[in-house]
Amino acid sequence: LGVSSATDPILRGPDLESLGMKKGQEFAWIIRESLDAQDDGVFTDREGALAWAAENRERIISEQRPRWEALQVERRRLNELKIAKARADAKAMKQARRAAG
């Protein structure tokens, strides 16, 4: 989603908390999409933003969570590869020092 809002967001974290949500990644997903909806004129005030969030939050979360989880898996995989490479490099350096010494 491209956030291109020239105005301040109407929907904010405390608004989502007032809907019973706990702070977390979902806040960012919902607020990001709310900016697009706001720019499209879907709502123009806090009450409209709250109604929009209540109506759309499950859809947004169900769309975004699998993407986010896949990204987390990929980040872990890349981190494990970096760790394995660092260990291999350290082992190779140790062997090179032994051979030179």
Protein backbone atom coordinates (compact mmCIF):
# COMPACT_ATOMS: atom_id res chain seq x y z
CA LEU A 1 0.00 0.00 0.00
CA GLY A 2 1.32 3.42 -0.89
CA VAL A 3 0.78 5.93 1.85
CA SER A 4 0.59 9.35 0.25
CA SER A 5 -1.55 11.25 2.72
CA ALA A 6 -0.91 14.97 2.78
CA THR A 7 -3.04 15.34 5.89
CA ASP A 8 -2.65 14.09 9.42
CA PRO A 9 -4.23 10.72 10.02
CA ILE A 10 -7.61 10.84 11.69
CA LEU A 11 -7.31 7.30 13.03
CA ARG A 12 -4.58 6.86 15.64
CA GLY A 13 -3.36 4.23 18.07
CA PRO A 14 -5.52 5.38 21.00
CA ASP A 15 -8.56 5.08 18.75
CA LEU A 16 -7.71 1.45 18.05
CA GLU A 17 -7.19 0.88 21.76
CA SER A 18 -10.67 2.30 22.35
CA LEU A 19 -11.95 -0.47 20.05
CA GLY A 20 -10.37 -3.04 22.38
CA MET A 21 -7.24 -3.70 20.35
CA LYS A 22 -3.88 -4.19 21.99
CA LYS A 23 -0.82 -2.40 20.66
CA GLY A 24 0.97 -4.45 18.07
CA GLN A 25 1.78 -4.89 14.42
CA GLU A 26 -1.92 -4.77 13.58
CA PHE A 27 -2.00 -1.07 14.52
CA ALA A 28 0.39 -0.22 11.69
CA TRP A 29 -1.54 -2.27 9.15
CA ILE A 30 -4.88 -0.69 10.04
CA ILE A 31 -3.56 2.87 10.28
CA ARG A 32 -1.71 2.48 6.96
CA GLU A 33 -4.89 1.37 5.20
CA SER A 34 -6.93 4.00 7.02
CA LEU A 35 -4.78 6.71 5.45
CA ASP A 36 -5.71 5.46 1.99
CA ALA A 37 -9.39 5.32 2.97
CA GLN A 38 -9.15 8.81 4.46
CA ASP A 39 -7.51 10.15 1.30
CA ASP A 40 -10.27 8.49 -0.75
CA GLY A 41 -12.91 10.30 1.32
CA VAL A 42 -14.31 7.14 2.90
CA PHE A 43 -14.42 8.99 6.23
CA THR A 44 -13.72 12.57 7.26
CA ASP A 45 -13.94 12.53 11.05
CA ARG A 46 -12.99 10.44 14.06
CA GLU A 47 -16.39 8.77 14.34
CA GLY A 48 -16.22 7.72 10.70
CA ALA A 49 -12.66 6.50 11.19
CA LEU A 50 -13.68 4.41 14.19
CA ALA A 51 -16.59 2.89 12.28
CA TRP A 52 -14.32 2.17 9.31
CA ALA A 53 -11.69 0.54 11.57
CA ALA A 54 -14.27 -1.61 13.36
CA GLU A 55 -15.70 -2.73 10.03
CA ASN A 56 -12.38 -3.40 8.29
CA ARG A 57 -9.95 -4.56 10.97
CA GLU A 58 -10.57 -8.31 10.62
CA ARG A 59 -10.18 -8.13 6.84
CA ILE A 60 -6.98 -6.12 7.12
CA ILE A 61 -5.51 -8.44 9.74
CA SER A 62 -6.45 -11.57 7.78
CA GLU A 63 -4.82 -10.12 4.65
CA GLN A 64 -1.69 -8.77 6.32
CA ARG A 65 -0.86 -11.45 8.91
CA PRO A 66 0.15 -14.17 6.40
CA ARG A 67 2.40 -11.68 4.60
CA TRP A 68 3.94 -10.54 7.86
CA GLU A 69 4.46 -14.12 9.07
CA ALA A 70 6.10 -15.10 5.78
CA LEU A 71 8.39 -12.10 6.07
CA GLN A 72 9.34 -13.12 9.62
CA VAL A 73 10.18 -16.66 8.42
CA GLU A 74 12.33 -15.23 5.63
CA ARG A 75 14.11 -12.87 8.03
CA ARG A 76 14.88 -15.77 10.39
CA ARG A 77 16.16 -17.85 7.48
CA LEU A 78 18.44 -15.05 6.30
CA ASN A 79 19.69 -14.50 9.83
CA GLU A 80 20.48 -18.21 10.17
CA LEU A 81 22.39 -18.07 6.87
CA LYS A 82 24.41 -15.09 8.11
CA ILE A 83 25.22 -16.90 11.34
CA ALA A 84 26.27 -20.05 9.46
CA LYS A 85 28.48 -17.99 7.14
CA ALA A 86 30.08 -16.15 10.06
CA ARG A 87 30.82 -19.49 11.76
CA ALA A 88 32.28 -20.93 8.56
CA ASP A 89 34.41 -17.81 8.07
CA ALA A 90 35.66 -17.97 11.65
CA LYS A 91 36.51 -21.66 11.26
CA ALA A 92 38.35 -20.98 8.00
CA MET A 93 40.33 -18.15 9.61
CA LYS A 94 41.24 -20.37 12.54
CA GLN A 95 42.44 -23.11 10.20
CA ALA A 96 44.44 -20.57 8.14
CA ARG A 97 46.18 -19.29 11.29
CA ARG A 98 47.04 -22.86 12.32
CA ALA A 99 48.44 -23.60 8.88
CA ALA A 100 50.51 -20.40 8.87
CA GLY A 101 51.71 -20.79 12.43
